[in-house]
Amino acid sequence: METEAWRDSDLFSDKEKAVIHWADAVTNMTAPRDDMGFARLRSHFSDAEVLEITYTAGLWNCSNRVAEALHLVVEPPGNRVEWQKED
């Protein structure tokens, strides 16, 4: 599955897609310029929930960056976690 295939997928609601989009923006550090994504997220969530979603995305990014800096391999190449079985 392509990394952006979720955008056209029927597996996610508009609300879920807003979270995925925002987490992606936080990860790629485009969130400060993503007014549309921020407005979309705020249309589904309270200010406290937006804060929690943003904080959680940022915290996971911090964890990933620390693990990479320490050369920790969470998911070795070729041995990926299978979240969904492909047909």
PDB file of N, CA and C in Angstrom:
ATOM      1  N   MET A   1       0.836  -1.172   0.000  1.00  0.00           N
ATOM      2  CA  MET A   1       0.000   0.000   0.000  1.00  0.00           C
ATOM      3  C   MET A   1       0.886   1.242   0.000  1.00  0.00           C
ATOM      4  N   GLU A   2       0.561   2.208  -0.831  1.00  0.00           N
ATOM      5  CA  GLU A   2       1.330   3.439  -0.880  1.00  0.00           C
ATOM      6  C   GLU A   2       1.173   4.206   0.424  1.00  0.00           C
ATOM      7  N   THR A   3       2.144   5.043   0.726  1.00  0.00           N
ATOM      8  CA  THR A   3       2.092   5.770   1.985  1.00  0.00           C
ATOM      9  C   THR A   3       0.945   6.765   2.054  1.00  0.00           C
ATOM     10  N   GLU A   4       0.428   7.216   0.924  1.00  0.00           N
ATOM     11  CA  GLU A   4      -0.670   8.181   0.927  1.00  0.00           C
ATOM     12  C   GLU A   4      -1.979   7.564   0.438  1.00  0.00           C
ATOM     13  N   ALA A   5      -2.035   6.260   0.341  1.00  0.00           N
ATOM     14  CA  ALA A   5      -3.241   5.585  -0.137  1.00  0.00           C
ATOM     15  C   ALA A   5      -4.420   5.797   0.803  1.00  0.00           C
ATOM     16  N   TRP A   6      -4.149   6.103   2.052  1.00  0.00           N
ATOM     17  CA  TRP A   6      -5.217   6.342   3.030  1.00  0.00           C
ATOM     18  C   TRP A   6      -6.121   7.493   2.612  1.00  0.00           C
ATOM     19  N   ARG A   7      -5.589   8.438   1.852  1.00  0.00           N
ATOM     20  CA  ARG A   7      -6.376   9.611   1.446  1.00  0.00           C
ATOM     21  C   ARG A   7      -7.626   9.228   0.658  1.00  0.00           C
ATOM     22  N   ASP A   8      -7.519   8.220  -0.183  1.00  0.00           N
ATOM     23  CA  ASP A   8      -8.644   7.795  -1.023  1.00  0.00           C
ATOM     24  C   ASP A   8      -9.333   6.546  -0.502  1.00  0.00           C
ATOM     25  N   SER A   9      -8.884   6.049   0.624  1.00  0.00           N
ATOM     26  CA  SER A   9      -9.418   4.804   1.169  1.00  0.00           C
ATOM     27  C   SER A   9     -10.782   5.006   1.820  1.00  0.00           C
ATOM     28  N   ASP A  10     -11.629   4.011   1.658  1.00  0.00           N
ATOM     29  CA  ASP A  10     -12.926   4.000   2.330  1.00  0.00           C
ATOM     30  C   ASP A  10     -12.811   3.404   3.736  1.00  0.00           C
ATOM     31  N   LEU A  11     -11.614   2.991   4.116  1.00  0.00           N
ATOM     32  CA  LEU A  11     -11.407   2.379   5.423  1.00  0.00           C
ATOM     33  C   LEU A  11     -11.419   3.404   6.557  1.00  0.00           C
ATOM     34  N   PHE A  12     -11.209   4.688   6.210  1.00  0.00           N
ATOM     35  CA  PHE A  12     -11.132   5.727   7.219  1.00  0.00           C
ATOM     36  C   PHE A  12     -12.230   6.763   7.025  1.00  0.00           C
ATOM     37  N   SER A  13     -12.787   7.231   8.128  1.00  0.00           N
ATOM     38  CA  SER A  13     -13.781   8.301   8.086  1.00  0.00           C
ATOM     39  C   SER A  13     -13.070   9.637   7.836  1.00  0.00           C
ATOM     40  N   ASP A  14     -13.849  10.681   7.555  1.00  0.00           N
ATOM     41  CA  ASP A  14     -13.250  12.008   7.387  1.00  0.00           C
ATOM     42  C   ASP A  14     -12.538  12.447   8.659  1.00  0.00           C
ATOM     43  N   LYS A  15     -13.098  12.107   9.793  1.00  0.00           N
ATOM     44  CA  LYS A  15     -12.503  12.446  11.080  1.00  0.00           C
ATOM     45  C   LYS A  15     -11.146  11.752  11.247  1.00  0.00           C
ATOM     46  N   GLU A  16     -11.083  10.472  10.911  1.00  0.00           N
ATOM     47  CA  GLU A  16      -9.829   9.722  11.004  1.00  0.00           C
ATOM     48  C   GLU A  16      -8.800  10.254  10.008  1.00  0.00           C
ATOM     49  N   LYS A  17      -9.252  10.606   8.824  1.00  0.00           N
ATOM     50  CA  LYS A  17      -8.343  11.162   7.815  1.00  0.00           C
ATOM     51  C   LYS A  17      -7.776  12.507   8.260  1.00  0.00           C
ATOM     52  N   ALA A  18      -8.578  13.288   8.986  1.00  0.00           N
ATOM     53  CA  ALA A  18      -8.090  14.568   9.515  1.00  0.00           C
ATOM     54  C   ALA A  18      -6.944  14.329  10.497  1.00  0.00           C
ATOM     55  N   VAL A  19      -7.069  13.293  11.333  1.00  0.00           N
ATOM     56  CA  VAL A  19      -6.016  12.962  12.300  1.00  0.00           C
ATOM     57  C   VAL A  19      -4.767  12.473  11.579  1.00  0.00           C
ATOM     58  N   ILE A  20      -4.944  11.594  10.609  1.00  0.00           N
ATOM     59  CA  ILE A  20      -3.788  11.070   9.870  1.00  0.00           C
ATOM     60  C   ILE A  20      -3.070  12.207   9.147  1.00  0.00           C
ATOM     61  N   HIS A  21      -3.846  13.074   8.505  1.00  0.00           N
ATOM     62  CA  HIS A  21      -3.256  14.214   7.795  1.00  0.00           C
ATOM     63  C   HIS A  21      -2.455  15.085   8.764  1.00  0.00           C
ATOM     64  N   TRP A  22      -3.055  15.375   9.934  1.00  0.00           N
ATOM     65  CA  TRP A  22      -2.379  16.239  10.904  1.00  0.00           C
ATOM     66  C   TRP A  22      -1.117  15.576  11.460  1.00  0.00           C
ATOM     67  N   ALA A  23      -1.184  14.296  11.769  1.00  0.00           N
ATOM     68  CA  ALA A  23      -0.011  13.579  12.263  1.00  0.00           C
ATOM     69  C   ALA A  23       1.103  13.603  11.214  1.00  0.00           C
ATOM     70  N   ASP A  24       0.728  13.476   9.954  1.00  0.00           N
ATOM     71  CA  ASP A  24       1.696  13.546   8.864  1.00  0.00           C
ATOM     72  C   ASP A  24       2.312  14.943   8.791  1.00  0.00           C
ATOM     73  N   ALA A  25       1.481  15.971   8.957  1.00  0.00           N
ATOM     74  CA  ALA A  25       1.981  17.353   8.923  1.00  0.00           C
ATOM     75  C   ALA A  25       2.933  17.615  10.091  1.00  0.00           C
ATOM     76  N   VAL A  26       2.598  17.108  11.273  1.00  0.00           N
ATOM     77  CA  VAL A  26       3.476  17.258  12.435  1.00  0.00           C
ATOM     78  C   VAL A  26       4.794  16.527  12.175  1.00  0.00           C
ATOM     79  N   THR A  27       4.716  15.327  11.641  1.00  0.00           N
ATOM     80  CA  THR A  27       5.905  14.523  11.367  1.00  0.00           C
ATOM     81  C   THR A  27       6.823  15.196  10.353  1.00  0.00           C
ATOM     82  N   ASN A  28       6.228  15.765   9.308  1.00  0.00           N
ATOM     83  CA  ASN A  28       7.023  16.394   8.242  1.00  0.00           C
ATOM     84  C   ASN A  28       7.304  17.865   8.504  1.00  0.00           C
ATOM     85  N   MET A  29       6.912  18.332   9.696  1.00  0.00           N
ATOM     86  CA  MET A  29       7.146  19.708  10.121  1.00  0.00           C
ATOM     87  C   MET A  29       6.541  20.738   9.172  1.00  0.00           C
ATOM     88  N   THR A  30       5.386  20.390   8.595  1.00  0.00           N
ATOM     89  CA  THR A  30       4.642  21.326   7.745  1.00  0.00           C
ATOM     90  C   THR A  30       3.414  21.868   8.470  1.00  0.00           C
ATOM     91  N   ALA A  31       3.168  21.410   9.691  1.00  0.00           N
ATOM     92  CA  ALA A  31       1.986  21.814  10.452  1.00  0.00           C
ATOM     93  C   ALA A  31       1.867  23.335  10.633  1.00  0.00           C
ATOM     94  N   PRO A  32       2.961  24.070  10.878  1.00  0.00           N
ATOM     95  CA  PRO A  32       2.814  25.512  11.078  1.00  0.00           C
ATOM     96  C   PRO A  32       2.239  26.247   9.856  1.00  0.00           C
ATOM     97  N   ARG A  33       2.390  25.651   8.681  1.00  0.00           N
ATOM     98  CA  ARG A  33       1.891  26.272   7.451  1.00  0.00           C
ATOM     99  C   ARG A  33       0.624  25.598   6.923  1.00  0.00           C
ATOM    100  N   ASP A  34       0.137  24.600   7.625  1.00  0.00           N
ATOM    101  CA  ASP A  34      -1.010  23.821   7.150  1.00  0.00           C
ATOM    102  C   ASP A  34      -2.313  24.314   7.794  1.00  0.00           C
ATOM    103  N   ASP A  35      -2.726  25.509   7.404  1.00  0.00           N
ATOM    104  CA  ASP A  35      -3.949  26.097   7.964  1.00  0.00           C
ATOM    105  C   ASP A  35      -5.181  25.261   7.636  1.00  0.00           C
ATOM    106  N   MET A  36      -5.239  24.711   6.436  1.00  0.00           N
ATOM    107  CA  MET A  36      -6.383  23.908   6.035  1.00  0.00           C
ATOM    108  C   MET A  36      -6.455  22.616   6.874  1.00  0.00           C
ATOM    109  N   GLY A  37      -5.331  21.970   7.063  1.00  0.00           N
ATOM    110  CA  GLY A  37      -5.302  20.749   7.868  1.00  0.00           C
ATOM    111  C   GLY A  37      -5.669  21.024   9.315  1.00  0.00           C
ATOM    112  N   PHE A  38      -5.203  22.163   9.836  1.00  0.00           N
ATOM    113  CA  PHE A  38      -5.517  22.543  11.211  1.00  0.00           C
ATOM    114  C   PHE A  38      -7.011  22.835  11.363  1.00  0.00           C
ATOM    115  N   ALA A  39      -7.570  23.553  10.403  1.00  0.00           N
ATOM    116  CA  ALA A  39      -9.005  23.860  10.441  1.00  0.00           C
ATOM    117  C   ALA A  39      -9.834  22.580  10.322  1.00  0.00           C
ATOM    118  N   ARG A  40      -9.396  21.687   9.474  1.00  0.00           N
ATOM    119  CA  ARG A  40     -10.100  20.407   9.305  1.00  0.00           C
ATOM    120  C   ARG A  40     -10.093  19.615  10.608  1.00  0.00           C
ATOM    121  N   LEU A  41      -8.950  19.576  11.277  1.00  0.00           N
ATOM    122  CA  LEU A  41      -8.841  18.870  12.548  1.00  0.00           C
ATOM    123  C   LEU A  41      -9.756  19.518  13.588  1.00  0.00           C
ATOM    124  N   ARG A  42      -9.754  20.845  13.636  1.00  0.00           N
ATOM    125  CA  ARG A  42     -10.569  21.571  14.618  1.00  0.00           C
ATOM    126  C   ARG A  42     -12.064  21.423  14.351  1.00  0.00           C
ATOM    127  N   SER A  43     -12.437  21.076  13.122  1.00  0.00           N
ATOM    128  CA  SER A  43     -13.859  20.877  12.833  1.00  0.00           C
ATOM    129  C   SER A  43     -14.379  19.568  13.434  1.00  0.00           C
ATOM    130  N   HIS A  44     -13.466  18.684  13.794  1.00  0.00           N
ATOM    131  CA  HIS A  44     -13.843  17.383  14.357  1.00  0.00           C
ATOM    132  C   HIS A  44     -13.548  17.257  15.852  1.00  0.00           C
ATOM    133  N   PHE A  45     -12.655  18.091  16.378  1.00  0.00           N
ATOM    134  CA  PHE A  45     -12.170  17.910  17.738  1.00  0.00           C
ATOM    135  C   PHE A  45     -12.167  19.214  18.518  1.00  0.00           C
ATOM    136  N   SER A  46     -12.244  19.087  19.836  1.00  0.00           N
ATOM    137  CA  SER A  46     -12.145  20.244  20.723  1.00  0.00           C
ATOM    138  C   SER A  46     -10.690  20.726  20.765  1.00  0.00           C
ATOM    139  N   ASP A  47     -10.480  21.902  21.331  1.00  0.00           N
ATOM    140  CA  ASP A  47      -9.117  22.422  21.463  1.00  0.00           C
ATOM    141  C   ASP A  47      -8.237  21.462  22.270  1.00  0.00           C
ATOM    142  N   ALA A  48      -8.803  20.908  23.336  1.00  0.00           N
ATOM    143  CA  ALA A  48      -8.038  19.960  24.169  1.00  0.00           C
ATOM    144  C   ALA A  48      -7.667  18.715  23.375  1.00  0.00           C
ATOM    145  N   GLU A  49      -8.588  18.239  22.549  1.00  0.00           N
ATOM    146  CA  GLU A  49      -8.303  17.046  21.739  1.00  0.00           C
ATOM    147  C   GLU A  49      -7.271  17.345  20.665  1.00  0.00           C
ATOM    148  N   VAL A  50      -7.334  18.537  20.057  1.00  0.00           N
ATOM    149  CA  VAL A  50      -6.330  18.934  19.060  1.00  0.00           C
ATOM    150  C   VAL A  50      -4.953  18.973  19.716  1.00  0.00           C
ATOM    151  N   LEU A  51      -4.892  19.519  20.918  1.00  0.00           N
ATOM    152  CA  LEU A  51      -3.633  19.555  21.654  1.00  0.00           C
ATOM    153  C   LEU A  51      -3.116  18.144  21.913  1.00  0.00           C
ATOM    154  N   GLU A  52      -3.998  17.254  22.350  1.00  0.00           N
ATOM    155  CA  GLU A  52      -3.598  15.880  22.644  1.00  0.00           C
ATOM    156  C   GLU A  52      -3.113  15.151  21.394  1.00  0.00           C
ATOM    157  N   ILE A  53      -3.806  15.322  20.282  1.00  0.00           N
ATOM    158  CA  ILE A  53      -3.406  14.684  19.014  1.00  0.00           C
ATOM    159  C   ILE A  53      -2.045  15.211  18.576  1.00  0.00           C
ATOM    160  N   THR A  54      -1.865  16.523  18.644  1.00  0.00           N
ATOM    161  CA  THR A  54      -0.604  17.141  18.227  1.00  0.00           C
ATOM    162  C   THR A  54       0.540  16.700  19.141  1.00  0.00           C
ATOM    163  N   TYR A  55       0.286  16.700  20.444  1.00  0.00           N
ATOM    164  CA  TYR A  55       1.302  16.285  21.409  1.00  0.00           C
ATOM    165  C   TYR A  55       1.701  14.828  21.192  1.00  0.00           C
ATOM    166  N   THR A  56       0.718  13.972  20.974  1.00  0.00           N
ATOM    167  CA  THR A  56       0.992  12.549  20.769  1.00  0.00           C
ATOM    168  C   THR A  56       1.831  12.334  19.512  1.00  0.00           C
ATOM    169  N   ALA A  57       1.476  13.017  18.427  1.00  0.00           N
ATOM    170  CA  ALA A  57       2.261  12.906  17.190  1.00  0.00           C
ATOM    171  C   ALA A  57       3.687  13.386  17.425  1.00  0.00           C
ATOM    172  N   GLY A  58       3.834  14.507  18.103  1.00  0.00           N
ATOM    173  CA  GLY A  58       5.163  15.040  18.389  1.00  0.00           C
ATOM    174  C   GLY A  58       5.975  14.130  19.287  1.00  0.00           C
ATOM    175  N   LEU A  59       5.323  13.559  20.290  1.00  0.00           N
ATOM    176  CA  LEU A  59       6.010  12.655  21.210  1.00  0.00           C
ATOM    177  C   LEU A  59       6.526  11.406  20.493  1.00  0.00           C
ATOM    178  N   TRP A  60       5.708  10.838  19.608  1.00  0.00           N
ATOM    179  CA  TRP A  60       6.154   9.670  18.849  1.00  0.00           C
ATOM    180  C   TRP A  60       7.305  10.031  17.913  1.00  0.00           C
ATOM    181  N   ASN A  61       7.260  11.218  17.339  1.00  0.00           N
ATOM    182  CA  ASN A  61       8.365  11.646  16.482  1.00  0.00           C
ATOM    183  C   ASN A  61       9.646  11.796  17.291  1.00  0.00           C
ATOM    184  N   CYS A  62       9.527  12.349  18.490  1.00  0.00           N
ATOM    185  CA  CYS A  62      10.690  12.478  19.368  1.00  0.00           C
ATOM    186  C   CYS A  62      11.265  11.098  19.683  1.00  0.00           C
ATOM    187  N   SER A  63      10.399  10.175  20.026  1.00  0.00           N
ATOM    188  CA  SER A  63      10.826   8.810  20.345  1.00  0.00           C
ATOM    189  C   SER A  63      11.545   8.174  19.150  1.00  0.00           C
ATOM    190  N   ASN A  64      10.981   8.362  17.968  1.00  0.00           N
ATOM    191  CA  ASN A  64      11.605   7.809  16.756  1.00  0.00           C
ATOM    192  C   ASN A  64      12.974   8.418  16.502  1.00  0.00           C
ATOM    193  N   ARG A  65      13.092   9.714  16.677  1.00  0.00           N
ATOM    194  CA  ARG A  65      14.368  10.378  16.419  1.00  0.00           C
ATOM    195  C   ARG A  65      15.441   9.932  17.416  1.00  0.00           C
ATOM    196  N   VAL A  66      15.058   9.753  18.669  1.00  0.00           N
ATOM    197  CA  VAL A  66      16.001   9.279  19.674  1.00  0.00           C
ATOM    198  C   VAL A  66      16.439   7.850  19.345  1.00  0.00           C
ATOM    199  N   ALA A  67      15.492   6.997  18.985  1.00  0.00           N
ATOM    200  CA  ALA A  67      15.824   5.613  18.639  1.00  0.00           C
ATOM    201  C   ALA A  67      16.764   5.563  17.437  1.00  0.00           C
ATOM    202  N   GLU A  68      16.492   6.382  16.422  1.00  0.00           N
ATOM    203  CA  GLU A  68      17.379   6.400  15.251  1.00  0.00           C
ATOM    204  C   GLU A  68      18.773   6.890  15.625  1.00  0.00           C
ATOM    205  N   ALA A  69      18.852   7.931  16.444  1.00  0.00           N
ATOM    206  CA  ALA A  69      20.154   8.469  16.850  1.00  0.00           C
ATOM    207  C   ALA A  69      20.974   7.438  17.615  1.00  0.00           C
ATOM    208  N   LEU A  70      20.293   6.581  18.364  1.00  0.00           N
ATOM    209  CA  LEU A  70      20.978   5.547  19.136  1.00  0.00           C
ATOM    210  C   LEU A  70      21.153   4.245  18.356  1.00  0.00           C
ATOM    211  N   HIS A  71      20.814   4.295  17.066  1.00  0.00           N
ATOM    212  CA  HIS A  71      20.956   3.149  16.175  1.00  0.00           C
ATOM    213  C   HIS A  71      20.133   1.951  16.624  1.00  0.00           C
ATOM    214  N   LEU A  72      18.985   2.221  17.205  1.00  0.00           N
ATOM    215  CA  LEU A  72      18.087   1.144  17.617  1.00  0.00           C
ATOM    216  C   LEU A  72      17.202   0.772  16.438  1.00  0.00           C
ATOM    217  N   VAL A  73      17.113  -0.504  16.144  1.00  0.00           N
ATOM    218  CA  VAL A  73      16.300  -0.971  15.038  1.00  0.00           C
ATOM    219  C   VAL A  73      15.011  -1.546  15.619  1.00  0.00           C
ATOM    220  N   VAL A  74      13.935  -0.827  15.416  1.00  0.00           N
ATOM    221  CA  VAL A  74      12.652  -1.254  15.954  1.00  0.00           C
ATOM    222  C   VAL A  74      12.015  -2.294  15.047  1.00  0.00           C
ATOM    223  N   GLU A  75      12.142  -2.100  13.763  1.00  0.00           N
ATOM    224  CA  GLU A  75      11.528  -2.989  12.784  1.00  0.00           C
ATOM    225  C   GLU A  75      12.562  -3.314  11.710  1.00  0.00           C
ATOM    226  N   PRO A  76      13.274  -4.429  11.862  1.00  0.00           N
ATOM    227  CA  PRO A  76      14.327  -4.770  10.905  1.00  0.00           C
ATOM    228  C   PRO A  76      13.786  -4.905   9.480  1.00  0.00           C
ATOM    229  N   PRO A  77      14.548  -4.481   8.492  1.00  0.00           N
ATOM    230  CA  PRO A  77      14.116  -4.632   7.098  1.00  0.00           C
ATOM    231  C   PRO A  77      13.776  -6.084   6.786  1.00  0.00           C
ATOM    232  N   GLY A  78      12.673  -6.281   6.066  1.00  0.00           N
ATOM    233  CA  GLY A  78      12.253  -7.622   5.683  1.00  0.00           C
ATOM    234  C   GLY A  78      11.408  -8.315   6.730  1.00  0.00           C
ATOM    235  N   ASN A  79      11.360  -7.777   7.930  1.00  0.00           N
ATOM    236  CA  ASN A  79      10.572  -8.370   9.011  1.00  0.00           C
ATOM    237  C   ASN A  79       9.550  -7.370   9.540  1.00  0.00           C
ATOM    238  N   ARG A  80       8.811  -6.766   8.638  1.00  0.00           N
ATOM    239  CA  ARG A  80       7.848  -5.735   9.017  1.00  0.00           C
ATOM    240  C   ARG A  80       6.685  -6.315   9.807  1.00  0.00           C
ATOM    241  N   VAL A  81       6.132  -5.495  10.646  1.00  0.00           N
ATOM    242  CA  VAL A  81       4.935  -5.864  11.387  1.00  0.00           C
ATOM    243  C   VAL A  81       3.776  -5.922  10.389  1.00  0.00           C
ATOM    244  N   GLU A  82       3.018  -6.984  10.424  1.00  0.00           N
ATOM    245  CA  GLU A  82       1.899  -7.126   9.508  1.00  0.00           C
ATOM    246  C   GLU A  82       0.616  -6.668  10.202  1.00  0.00           C
ATOM    247  N   TRP A  83       0.203  -5.447   9.907  1.00  0.00           N
ATOM    248  CA  TRP A  83      -1.017  -4.915  10.496  1.00  0.00           C
ATOM    249  C   TRP A  83      -2.238  -5.459   9.803  1.00  0.00           C
ATOM    250  N   GLN A  84      -2.111  -5.632   8.496  1.00  0.00           N
ATOM    251  CA  GLN A  84      -3.219  -6.170   7.701  1.00  0.00           C
ATOM    252  C   GLN A  84      -2.640  -7.168   6.715  1.00  0.00           C
ATOM    253  N   LYS A  85      -3.325  -8.252   6.579  1.00  0.00           N
ATOM    254  CA  LYS A  85      -2.913  -9.226   5.578  1.00  0.00           C
ATOM    255  C   LYS A  85      -3.360  -8.722   4.202  1.00  0.00           C
ATOM    256  N   GLU A  86      -2.445  -8.760   3.242  1.00  0.00           N
ATOM    257  CA  GLU A  86      -2.816  -8.382   1.883  1.00  0.00           C
ATOM    258  C   GLU A  86      -3.356  -9.602   1.166  1.00  0.00           C
ATOM    259  N   ASP A  87      -4.312  -9.346   0.302  1.00  0.00           N
ATOM    260  CA  ASP A  87      -4.912 -10.446  -0.470  1.00  0.00           C
ATOM    261  C   ASP A  87      -3.955 -10.993  -1.504  1.00  0.00           C
TER     262      ASP A  87
END
